[in-house]
N, C-alpha and C. Protein backbone atom coordinates (compact mmCIF):
# COMPACT_ATOMS: atom_id res chain seq x y z
N MET A 1 319.24 142.96 296.69
CA MET A 1 317.80 143.19 296.70
C MET A 1 317.08 141.86 296.81
N HIS A 2 315.88 141.92 297.34
CA HIS A 2 315.06 140.72 297.48
C HIS A 2 313.88 140.84 296.52
N ILE A 3 313.63 139.78 295.74
CA ILE A 3 312.57 139.77 294.74
C ILE A 3 311.48 138.79 295.17
N THR A 4 310.21 139.25 295.11
CA THR A 4 309.07 138.40 295.41
C THR A 4 308.11 138.45 294.23
N SER A 5 307.78 137.29 293.66
CA SER A 5 306.75 137.24 292.62
C SER A 5 305.39 137.33 293.29
N LEU A 6 304.49 138.11 292.71
CA LEU A 6 303.14 138.23 293.26
C LEU A 6 302.25 137.16 292.64
N ALA A 7 300.95 137.22 292.87
CA ALA A 7 300.01 136.20 292.37
C ALA A 7 300.07 136.09 290.85
N ILE A 8 300.37 137.17 290.17
CA ILE A 8 300.69 137.13 288.74
C ILE A 8 302.22 137.17 288.70
N PRO A 9 302.88 136.05 288.40
CA PRO A 9 304.33 135.94 288.58
C PRO A 9 305.17 136.97 287.83
N ASP A 10 304.66 137.56 286.75
CA ASP A 10 305.43 138.55 286.01
C ASP A 10 305.55 139.88 286.76
N VAL A 11 304.67 140.12 287.71
CA VAL A 11 304.71 141.34 288.52
C VAL A 11 305.55 141.04 289.75
N LEU A 12 306.57 141.87 289.98
CA LEU A 12 307.54 141.59 291.03
C LEU A 12 307.56 142.68 292.09
N LEU A 13 307.62 142.27 293.34
CA LEU A 13 307.82 143.19 294.45
C LEU A 13 309.30 143.15 294.78
N ILE A 14 309.93 144.31 294.78
CA ILE A 14 311.37 144.41 294.96
C ILE A 14 311.66 145.15 296.27
N THR A 15 312.46 144.52 297.11
CA THR A 15 312.89 145.16 298.35
C THR A 15 314.39 145.40 298.24
N PRO A 16 314.79 146.66 298.11
CA PRO A 16 316.22 146.95 297.98
C PRO A 16 316.94 146.81 299.33
N LYS A 17 318.25 146.68 299.27
CA LYS A 17 319.06 146.67 300.49
C LYS A 17 319.13 148.09 301.02
N ILE A 18 318.87 148.22 302.31
CA ILE A 18 318.91 149.52 302.98
C ILE A 18 320.07 149.49 303.98
N PHE A 19 320.89 150.50 303.95
CA PHE A 19 321.99 150.65 304.89
C PHE A 19 321.64 151.82 305.81
N SER A 20 321.30 151.48 307.07
CA SER A 20 320.85 152.49 308.02
C SER A 20 321.85 152.65 309.16
N ASP A 21 321.93 153.86 309.67
CA ASP A 21 322.67 154.14 310.90
C ASP A 21 322.06 155.39 311.54
N GLU A 22 322.74 155.94 312.53
CA GLU A 22 322.18 157.09 313.25
C GLU A 22 321.99 158.32 312.36
N ARG A 23 322.63 158.37 311.21
CA ARG A 23 322.49 159.51 310.30
C ARG A 23 321.26 159.43 309.41
N GLY A 24 320.75 158.22 309.22
CA GLY A 24 319.64 157.99 308.30
C GLY A 24 319.86 156.70 307.55
N PHE A 25 319.65 156.73 306.22
CA PHE A 25 319.84 155.51 305.45
C PHE A 25 320.39 155.84 304.07
N PHE A 26 320.89 154.78 303.40
CA PHE A 26 321.33 154.85 302.01
C PHE A 26 320.82 153.61 301.32
N MET A 27 320.38 153.79 300.07
CA MET A 27 320.01 152.64 299.23
C MET A 27 320.24 153.02 297.78
N GLU A 28 320.54 152.01 296.97
CA GLU A 28 320.54 152.21 295.52
C GLU A 28 319.11 152.01 295.07
N SER A 29 318.49 153.03 294.52
CA SER A 29 317.10 152.87 294.07
C SER A 29 317.04 152.11 292.76
N PHE A 30 318.13 152.12 292.00
CA PHE A 30 318.19 151.31 290.79
C PHE A 30 319.64 151.09 290.39
N ASN A 31 319.95 149.86 290.01
CA ASN A 31 321.25 149.48 289.48
C ASN A 31 320.97 148.48 288.37
N GLN A 32 321.26 148.85 287.14
CA GLN A 32 320.93 148.03 285.97
C GLN A 32 321.48 146.60 286.08
N ARG A 33 322.73 146.49 286.44
CA ARG A 33 323.36 145.17 286.53
C ARG A 33 322.69 144.30 287.60
N ASP A 34 322.47 144.87 288.79
CA ASP A 34 321.85 144.10 289.88
C ASP A 34 320.39 143.77 289.57
N PHE A 35 319.67 144.70 288.94
CA PHE A 35 318.28 144.46 288.57
C PHE A 35 318.20 143.28 287.59
N ALA A 36 319.06 143.29 286.58
CA ALA A 36 319.07 142.20 285.58
C ALA A 36 319.43 140.87 286.23
N ALA A 37 320.42 140.87 287.11
CA ALA A 37 320.84 139.63 287.76
C ALA A 37 319.75 139.08 288.68
N ALA A 38 319.07 139.95 289.40
CA ALA A 38 318.06 139.51 290.37
C ALA A 38 316.75 139.09 289.71
N THR A 39 316.39 139.75 288.60
CA THR A 39 315.09 139.50 287.99
C THR A 39 315.17 138.66 286.73
N GLY A 40 316.34 138.60 286.10
CA GLY A 40 316.46 137.92 284.82
C GLY A 40 315.93 138.77 283.67
N LEU A 41 315.63 140.04 283.95
CA LEU A 41 315.08 140.94 282.94
C LEU A 41 316.15 141.86 282.39
N ASP A 42 316.19 141.98 281.07
CA ASP A 42 317.11 142.91 280.42
C ASP A 42 316.26 144.05 279.86
N VAL A 43 316.01 145.05 280.67
CA VAL A 43 315.16 146.17 280.24
C VAL A 43 315.98 147.45 280.21
N THR A 44 315.54 148.35 279.36
CA THR A 44 316.13 149.68 279.29
C THR A 44 315.04 150.69 279.63
N PHE A 45 315.35 151.57 280.55
CA PHE A 45 314.39 152.61 280.92
C PHE A 45 314.72 153.87 280.14
N VAL A 46 313.68 154.51 279.58
CA VAL A 46 313.87 155.68 278.72
C VAL A 46 313.24 156.96 279.29
N GLN A 47 312.49 156.82 280.36
CA GLN A 47 311.77 157.98 280.89
C GLN A 47 311.53 157.76 282.38
N ASP A 48 311.73 158.81 283.18
CA ASP A 48 311.39 158.80 284.60
C ASP A 48 310.24 159.77 284.82
N ASN A 49 309.26 159.36 285.63
CA ASN A 49 308.11 160.21 285.94
C ASN A 49 307.99 160.38 287.45
N HIS A 50 307.39 161.49 287.86
CA HIS A 50 307.20 161.78 289.28
C HIS A 50 305.84 162.45 289.42
N SER A 51 304.99 161.89 290.28
CA SER A 51 303.70 162.54 290.56
C SER A 51 303.58 162.75 292.06
N ARG A 52 302.89 163.80 292.43
CA ARG A 52 302.57 164.08 293.83
C ARG A 52 301.07 164.22 293.90
N SER A 53 300.46 163.52 294.84
CA SER A 53 299.01 163.51 294.94
C SER A 53 298.61 163.58 296.41
N LYS A 54 297.41 164.11 296.64
CA LYS A 54 296.91 164.19 298.01
C LYS A 54 296.07 162.96 298.34
N GLN A 55 295.77 162.80 299.61
CA GLN A 55 295.00 161.66 300.09
C GLN A 55 293.66 161.57 299.37
N GLY A 56 293.28 160.34 299.00
CA GLY A 56 292.01 160.11 298.31
C GLY A 56 292.10 160.17 296.81
N VAL A 57 293.26 160.58 296.26
CA VAL A 57 293.43 160.63 294.80
C VAL A 57 293.67 159.21 294.30
N LEU A 58 292.99 158.87 293.23
CA LEU A 58 293.20 157.60 292.55
C LEU A 58 293.60 157.91 291.12
N ARG A 59 294.75 157.42 290.71
CA ARG A 59 295.24 157.61 289.34
C ARG A 59 295.25 156.25 288.66
N GLY A 60 294.57 156.18 287.50
CA GLY A 60 294.60 154.93 286.76
C GLY A 60 293.20 154.44 286.43
N LEU A 61 293.20 153.39 285.78
CA LEU A 61 294.22 152.39 285.46
C LEU A 61 294.71 152.64 284.03
N HIS A 62 295.94 153.08 283.87
CA HIS A 62 296.48 153.53 282.59
C HIS A 62 297.39 152.49 281.96
N TYR A 63 297.39 152.49 280.62
CA TYR A 63 298.33 151.66 279.88
C TYR A 63 298.41 152.15 278.45
N GLN A 64 299.46 151.73 277.74
CA GLN A 64 299.62 152.03 276.32
C GLN A 64 299.41 150.73 275.56
N VAL A 65 298.72 150.82 274.42
CA VAL A 65 298.31 149.62 273.69
C VAL A 65 299.38 149.12 272.73
N LYS A 66 299.89 149.97 271.84
CA LYS A 66 300.82 149.52 270.80
C LYS A 66 302.27 149.55 271.25
N GLN A 67 302.59 150.45 272.15
CA GLN A 67 303.94 150.51 272.71
C GLN A 67 303.83 150.43 274.24
N PRO A 68 303.50 149.23 274.74
CA PRO A 68 303.28 149.10 276.18
C PRO A 68 304.54 149.41 276.99
N GLN A 69 304.32 150.03 278.13
CA GLN A 69 305.41 150.42 279.00
C GLN A 69 305.55 149.45 280.16
N GLY A 70 306.78 149.03 280.42
CA GLY A 70 307.10 148.40 281.70
C GLY A 70 307.40 149.54 282.65
N LYS A 71 307.04 149.36 283.93
CA LYS A 71 307.25 150.43 284.91
C LYS A 71 307.86 149.87 286.18
N LEU A 72 308.85 150.58 286.69
CA LEU A 72 309.44 150.28 287.99
C LEU A 72 309.03 151.42 288.91
N ILE A 73 308.16 151.12 289.88
CA ILE A 73 307.46 152.14 290.67
C ILE A 73 307.96 152.13 292.10
N ARG A 74 308.13 153.33 292.67
CA ARG A 74 308.47 153.45 294.08
C ARG A 74 307.84 154.72 294.65
N VAL A 75 307.68 154.75 295.95
CA VAL A 75 307.11 155.90 296.64
C VAL A 75 308.20 156.52 297.49
N THR A 76 308.43 157.83 297.31
CA THR A 76 309.48 158.52 298.07
C THR A 76 308.90 159.38 299.19
N GLN A 77 307.60 159.57 299.19
CA GLN A 77 306.93 160.26 300.30
C GLN A 77 305.53 159.69 300.42
N GLY A 78 305.14 159.32 301.64
CA GLY A 78 303.78 158.85 301.86
C GLY A 78 303.61 157.37 301.58
N GLU A 79 302.34 157.02 301.23
CA GLU A 79 301.98 155.61 301.05
C GLU A 79 300.86 155.50 300.03
N VAL A 80 300.95 154.50 299.16
CA VAL A 80 299.92 154.24 298.16
C VAL A 80 299.58 152.76 298.11
N PHE A 81 298.37 152.48 297.66
CA PHE A 81 297.93 151.13 297.30
C PHE A 81 298.09 151.06 295.80
N ASP A 82 299.03 150.25 295.32
CA ASP A 82 299.40 150.20 293.91
C ASP A 82 298.84 148.94 293.26
N VAL A 83 298.28 149.09 292.05
CA VAL A 83 297.58 147.98 291.39
C VAL A 83 298.08 147.81 289.95
N ALA A 84 298.22 146.55 289.55
CA ALA A 84 298.53 146.20 288.16
C ALA A 84 297.48 145.21 287.67
N VAL A 85 296.91 145.48 286.48
CA VAL A 85 295.88 144.62 285.88
C VAL A 85 296.42 144.08 284.57
N ASP A 86 296.36 142.77 284.39
CA ASP A 86 296.86 142.13 283.17
C ASP A 86 295.93 142.43 282.00
N MET A 87 296.47 143.07 280.97
CA MET A 87 295.71 143.42 279.76
C MET A 87 296.22 142.66 278.53
N ARG A 88 297.08 141.66 278.74
CA ARG A 88 297.68 140.91 277.62
C ARG A 88 296.66 139.91 277.08
N GLU A 89 296.33 140.05 275.81
CA GLU A 89 295.22 139.31 275.22
C GLU A 89 295.35 137.80 275.28
N LYS A 90 296.52 137.23 275.24
CA LYS A 90 296.67 135.78 275.25
C LYS A 90 297.21 135.26 276.58
N SER A 91 297.13 136.07 277.60
CA SER A 91 297.66 135.70 278.90
C SER A 91 296.66 134.85 279.68
N SER A 92 297.17 133.87 280.41
CA SER A 92 296.30 133.06 281.26
C SER A 92 295.78 133.85 282.45
N THR A 93 296.38 135.01 282.71
CA THR A 93 295.93 135.85 283.83
C THR A 93 295.26 137.15 283.35
N LEU A 94 294.80 137.17 282.10
CA LEU A 94 294.10 138.33 281.56
C LEU A 94 292.96 138.73 282.49
N GLY A 95 292.91 140.01 282.85
CA GLY A 95 291.84 140.51 283.71
C GLY A 95 292.08 140.32 285.19
N MET A 96 293.15 139.63 285.55
CA MET A 96 293.48 139.49 286.97
C MET A 96 294.30 140.70 287.41
N TRP A 97 294.26 140.97 288.70
CA TRP A 97 295.01 142.10 289.24
C TRP A 97 295.79 141.66 290.47
N VAL A 98 296.86 142.41 290.72
CA VAL A 98 297.65 142.25 291.94
C VAL A 98 297.90 143.63 292.51
N SER A 99 298.23 143.66 293.80
CA SER A 99 298.45 144.94 294.46
C SER A 99 299.58 144.83 295.46
N ALA A 100 300.09 146.00 295.83
CA ALA A 100 301.10 146.10 296.89
C ALA A 100 300.99 147.48 297.50
N VAL A 101 301.28 147.56 298.78
CA VAL A 101 301.37 148.87 299.43
C VAL A 101 302.83 149.30 299.31
N LEU A 102 303.03 150.46 298.69
CA LEU A 102 304.36 151.03 298.53
C LEU A 102 304.43 152.28 299.39
N SER A 103 305.53 152.44 300.12
CA SER A 103 305.63 153.61 300.99
C SER A 103 307.08 154.03 301.17
N GLU A 104 307.23 155.23 301.70
CA GLU A 104 308.57 155.72 302.02
C GLU A 104 309.17 154.91 303.17
N LYS A 105 308.34 154.27 303.96
CA LYS A 105 308.83 153.49 305.10
C LYS A 105 309.31 152.11 304.68
N ASN A 106 308.57 151.42 303.80
CA ASN A 106 309.00 150.07 303.42
C ASN A 106 309.97 150.07 302.23
N ASN A 107 310.05 151.17 301.49
CA ASN A 107 310.96 151.31 300.33
C ASN A 107 310.77 150.22 299.27
N HIS A 108 309.63 149.55 299.27
CA HIS A 108 309.38 148.54 298.24
C HIS A 108 309.22 149.21 296.88
N GLN A 109 309.55 148.45 295.86
CA GLN A 109 309.34 148.87 294.48
C GLN A 109 308.49 147.80 293.81
N LEU A 110 307.75 148.21 292.79
CA LEU A 110 306.92 147.25 292.05
C LEU A 110 307.32 147.29 290.59
N TRP A 111 307.67 146.10 290.05
CA TRP A 111 307.92 145.97 288.62
C TRP A 111 306.61 145.57 287.97
N VAL A 112 306.08 146.47 287.13
CA VAL A 112 304.87 146.21 286.36
C VAL A 112 305.31 146.04 284.91
N PRO A 113 305.27 144.83 284.37
CA PRO A 113 305.79 144.59 283.03
C PRO A 113 304.90 145.19 281.94
N PRO A 114 305.43 145.32 280.73
CA PRO A 114 304.61 145.77 279.61
C PRO A 114 303.39 144.85 279.47
N GLY A 115 302.25 145.46 279.17
CA GLY A 115 301.03 144.67 279.00
C GLY A 115 300.07 144.78 280.16
N PHE A 116 300.40 145.60 281.15
CA PHE A 116 299.55 145.76 282.32
C PHE A 116 299.05 147.19 282.43
N ALA A 117 297.81 147.34 282.88
CA ALA A 117 297.29 148.65 283.26
C ALA A 117 297.77 148.89 284.69
N HIS A 118 298.04 150.15 285.00
CA HIS A 118 298.59 150.49 286.31
C HIS A 118 297.83 151.66 286.92
N GLY A 119 297.67 151.60 288.23
CA GLY A 119 297.05 152.70 288.95
C GLY A 119 297.39 152.63 290.42
N PHE A 120 297.11 153.72 291.13
CA PHE A 120 297.35 153.72 292.58
C PHE A 120 296.37 154.65 293.27
N TYR A 121 296.16 154.36 294.56
CA TYR A 121 295.29 155.14 295.43
C TYR A 121 296.12 155.63 296.61
N VAL A 122 296.04 156.94 296.89
CA VAL A 122 296.87 157.55 297.93
C VAL A 122 296.25 157.34 299.30
N LEU A 123 297.01 156.69 300.19
CA LEU A 123 296.55 156.37 301.54
C LEU A 123 296.97 157.42 302.57
N SER A 124 298.07 158.09 302.33
CA SER A 124 298.61 159.07 303.28
C SER A 124 298.14 160.48 302.93
N GLU A 125 298.51 161.45 303.73
CA GLU A 125 298.10 162.83 303.47
C GLU A 125 298.55 163.29 302.08
N TYR A 126 299.77 162.97 301.72
CA TYR A 126 300.32 163.21 300.39
C TYR A 126 301.19 162.02 300.02
N ALA A 127 301.40 161.82 298.73
CA ALA A 127 302.33 160.78 298.29
C ALA A 127 303.05 161.26 297.03
N SER A 128 304.35 160.99 297.00
CA SER A 128 305.16 161.23 295.81
C SER A 128 305.53 159.87 295.24
N VAL A 129 305.11 159.64 294.00
CA VAL A 129 305.35 158.38 293.31
C VAL A 129 306.32 158.65 292.17
N GLN A 130 307.39 157.87 292.12
CA GLN A 130 308.36 157.99 291.05
C GLN A 130 308.45 156.66 290.33
N TYR A 131 308.49 156.73 289.00
CA TYR A 131 308.60 155.47 288.27
C TYR A 131 309.36 155.64 286.97
N LYS A 132 310.07 154.56 286.64
CA LYS A 132 310.84 154.48 285.41
C LYS A 132 310.00 153.74 284.38
N CYS A 133 310.11 154.13 283.11
CA CYS A 133 309.32 153.52 282.03
C CYS A 133 310.24 152.99 280.94
N THR A 134 309.82 151.87 280.34
CA THR A 134 310.62 151.26 279.27
C THR A 134 310.27 151.80 277.89
N GLN A 135 309.20 152.56 277.78
CA GLN A 135 308.80 153.20 276.51
C GLN A 135 308.44 154.66 276.79
N TYR A 136 308.58 155.49 275.79
CA TYR A 136 308.17 156.88 275.93
C TYR A 136 306.65 156.98 275.97
N TYR A 137 306.16 157.94 276.70
CA TYR A 137 304.72 158.18 276.77
C TYR A 137 304.22 158.72 275.44
N ARG A 138 303.18 158.11 274.91
CA ARG A 138 302.54 158.57 273.68
C ARG A 138 301.05 158.75 273.97
N PRO A 139 300.58 159.98 274.10
CA PRO A 139 299.16 160.21 274.42
C PRO A 139 298.20 159.51 273.47
N SER A 140 298.56 159.42 272.20
CA SER A 140 297.66 158.80 271.22
C SER A 140 297.56 157.28 271.40
N ASP A 141 298.46 156.70 272.18
CA ASP A 141 298.49 155.25 272.38
C ASP A 141 297.91 154.85 273.74
N GLU A 142 297.55 155.83 274.54
CA GLU A 142 297.10 155.54 275.90
C GLU A 142 295.66 155.07 275.95
N SER A 143 295.41 154.15 276.86
CA SER A 143 294.06 153.71 277.16
C SER A 143 293.91 153.70 278.67
N CYS A 144 292.68 153.64 279.11
CA CYS A 144 292.42 153.69 280.55
C CYS A 144 291.22 152.81 280.86
N VAL A 145 291.37 151.95 281.86
CA VAL A 145 290.29 151.08 282.32
C VAL A 145 289.69 151.70 283.58
N ARG A 146 288.39 151.66 283.67
CA ARG A 146 287.68 152.22 284.82
C ARG A 146 288.16 151.56 286.12
N TRP A 147 288.59 152.36 287.06
CA TRP A 147 289.18 151.87 288.31
C TRP A 147 288.21 151.02 289.13
N ASN A 148 286.92 151.30 289.03
CA ASN A 148 285.93 150.58 289.83
C ASN A 148 285.07 149.62 288.99
N ASP A 149 285.63 149.14 287.89
CA ASP A 149 284.91 148.19 287.04
C ASP A 149 284.54 146.96 287.86
N GLU A 150 283.28 146.62 287.86
CA GLU A 150 282.79 145.50 288.69
C GLU A 150 283.39 144.16 288.29
N SER A 151 283.70 143.98 287.00
CA SER A 151 284.25 142.68 286.58
C SER A 151 285.67 142.48 287.10
N LEU A 152 286.40 143.55 287.38
CA LEU A 152 287.74 143.42 287.95
C LEU A 152 287.68 143.18 289.45
N ASP A 153 286.69 143.80 290.11
CA ASP A 153 286.47 143.63 291.55
C ASP A 153 287.74 143.89 292.36
N ILE A 154 288.40 145.01 292.08
CA ILE A 154 289.61 145.38 292.81
C ILE A 154 289.22 145.80 294.23
N SER A 155 289.93 145.29 295.19
CA SER A 155 289.67 145.59 296.60
C SER A 155 290.42 146.84 297.04
N TRP A 156 290.02 147.98 296.52
CA TRP A 156 290.64 149.25 296.90
C TRP A 156 290.40 149.47 298.39
N PRO A 157 291.40 149.93 299.15
CA PRO A 157 291.26 150.08 300.60
C PRO A 157 290.61 151.41 301.00
N MET A 158 289.36 151.55 300.66
CA MET A 158 288.62 152.77 301.00
C MET A 158 287.26 152.37 301.50
N ASN A 159 286.67 153.22 302.31
CA ASN A 159 285.31 152.91 302.74
C ASN A 159 284.32 153.71 301.91
N ASP A 160 283.06 153.38 302.01
CA ASP A 160 282.03 154.00 301.17
C ASP A 160 281.90 155.50 301.40
N ARG A 161 282.33 155.98 302.55
CA ARG A 161 282.20 157.40 302.87
C ARG A 161 283.33 158.23 302.31
N GLU A 162 284.43 157.59 301.93
CA GLU A 162 285.56 158.34 301.41
C GLU A 162 285.27 158.83 299.99
N LYS A 163 285.66 160.05 299.75
CA LYS A 163 285.51 160.60 298.41
C LYS A 163 286.77 160.27 297.61
N VAL A 164 286.59 159.60 296.50
CA VAL A 164 287.70 159.26 295.63
C VAL A 164 287.83 160.38 294.61
N VAL A 165 289.04 160.90 294.47
CA VAL A 165 289.31 161.99 293.55
C VAL A 165 290.00 161.43 292.31
N VAL A 166 289.35 161.57 291.15
CA VAL A 166 289.92 161.10 289.89
C VAL A 166 289.89 162.23 288.87
N SER A 167 290.72 162.12 287.86
CA SER A 167 290.73 163.10 286.77
C SER A 167 289.51 162.88 285.88
N LYS A 168 289.23 163.86 285.03
CA LYS A 168 288.12 163.71 284.07
C LYS A 168 288.37 162.52 283.15
N LYS A 169 289.62 162.38 282.72
CA LYS A 169 289.98 161.25 281.85
C LYS A 169 289.70 159.92 282.54
N ASP A 170 290.10 159.80 283.80
CA ASP A 170 289.90 158.55 284.52
C ASP A 170 288.42 158.31 284.83
N ALA A 171 287.67 159.38 285.07
CA ALA A 171 286.23 159.24 285.33
C ALA A 171 285.50 158.71 284.10
N GLY A 172 286.02 159.02 282.91
CA GLY A 172 285.40 158.57 281.67
C GLY A 172 286.04 157.33 281.07
N ALA A 173 286.81 156.60 281.86
CA ALA A 173 287.53 155.44 281.35
C ALA A 173 286.58 154.34 280.88
N THR A 174 287.13 153.46 280.06
CA THR A 174 286.40 152.33 279.49
C THR A 174 286.29 151.19 280.49
N GLY A 175 285.20 150.45 280.42
CA GLY A 175 285.07 149.24 281.23
C GLY A 175 286.04 148.18 280.72
N PHE A 176 286.42 147.25 281.58
CA PHE A 176 287.42 146.25 281.22
C PHE A 176 287.04 145.46 279.97
N HIS A 177 285.79 145.02 279.86
CA HIS A 177 285.41 144.16 278.74
C HIS A 177 285.44 144.88 277.40
N ARG A 178 285.40 146.20 277.40
CA ARG A 178 285.48 146.97 276.14
C ARG A 178 286.84 147.57 275.91
N ALA A 179 287.73 147.45 276.87
CA ALA A 179 289.07 148.05 276.76
C ALA A 179 289.94 147.24 275.79
N PRO A 180 290.78 147.94 275.02
CA PRO A 180 291.68 147.23 274.10
C PRO A 180 292.65 146.33 274.84
N ARG A 181 292.94 145.19 274.26
CA ARG A 181 293.93 144.25 274.81
C ARG A 181 295.28 144.55 274.19
N ILE A 182 296.30 144.05 274.83
CA ILE A 182 297.66 144.27 274.36
C ILE A 182 298.19 142.94 273.80
N SER A 183 298.70 143.03 272.59
CA SER A 183 299.28 141.85 271.94
C SER A 183 300.79 141.98 271.98
N ILE A 184 301.44 141.26 272.90
CA ILE A 184 302.90 141.36 273.02
C ILE A 184 303.58 140.01 272.90
N TYR A 185 302.84 138.97 272.56
CA TYR A 185 303.47 137.64 272.47
C TYR A 185 303.99 137.40 271.09
């Protein structure tokens, strides 16, 4: 696999090895030993999630405060614009964000470490997003930052005429400056 650090070095773009021929392709979507060797990270995943969303859906920006989740994200159908926002209170990159386009065509994966809010916007007609988590989901621990918070100034790839579809929870999310920070140092 090939690892690329993004503008926030803790967030990694992972390109797995793909073996293609006339039949199609094969890839290991995850191998604990190879992941640890390539990234230097010793993580244990405890939960796998899968969401399917239609074009124009924006999910996020979600995170857990007391038991932050690291996430290894990939798209198995369609294409999304995926975003990670640093919520770590003592981080030099607090409030900064990075993004990557993940798709079934590029097979890229995004490692979003604990301490980051995560969200994505669906670019294709439909998208299936699958991700592994390092902590169990706890609804009482979840927080959500408003996706269009002006202080974050995320460059979502949509035009003003596009209707963004969000859940009621995401529509009522907190602004970045009032959102709880994560203390993981």
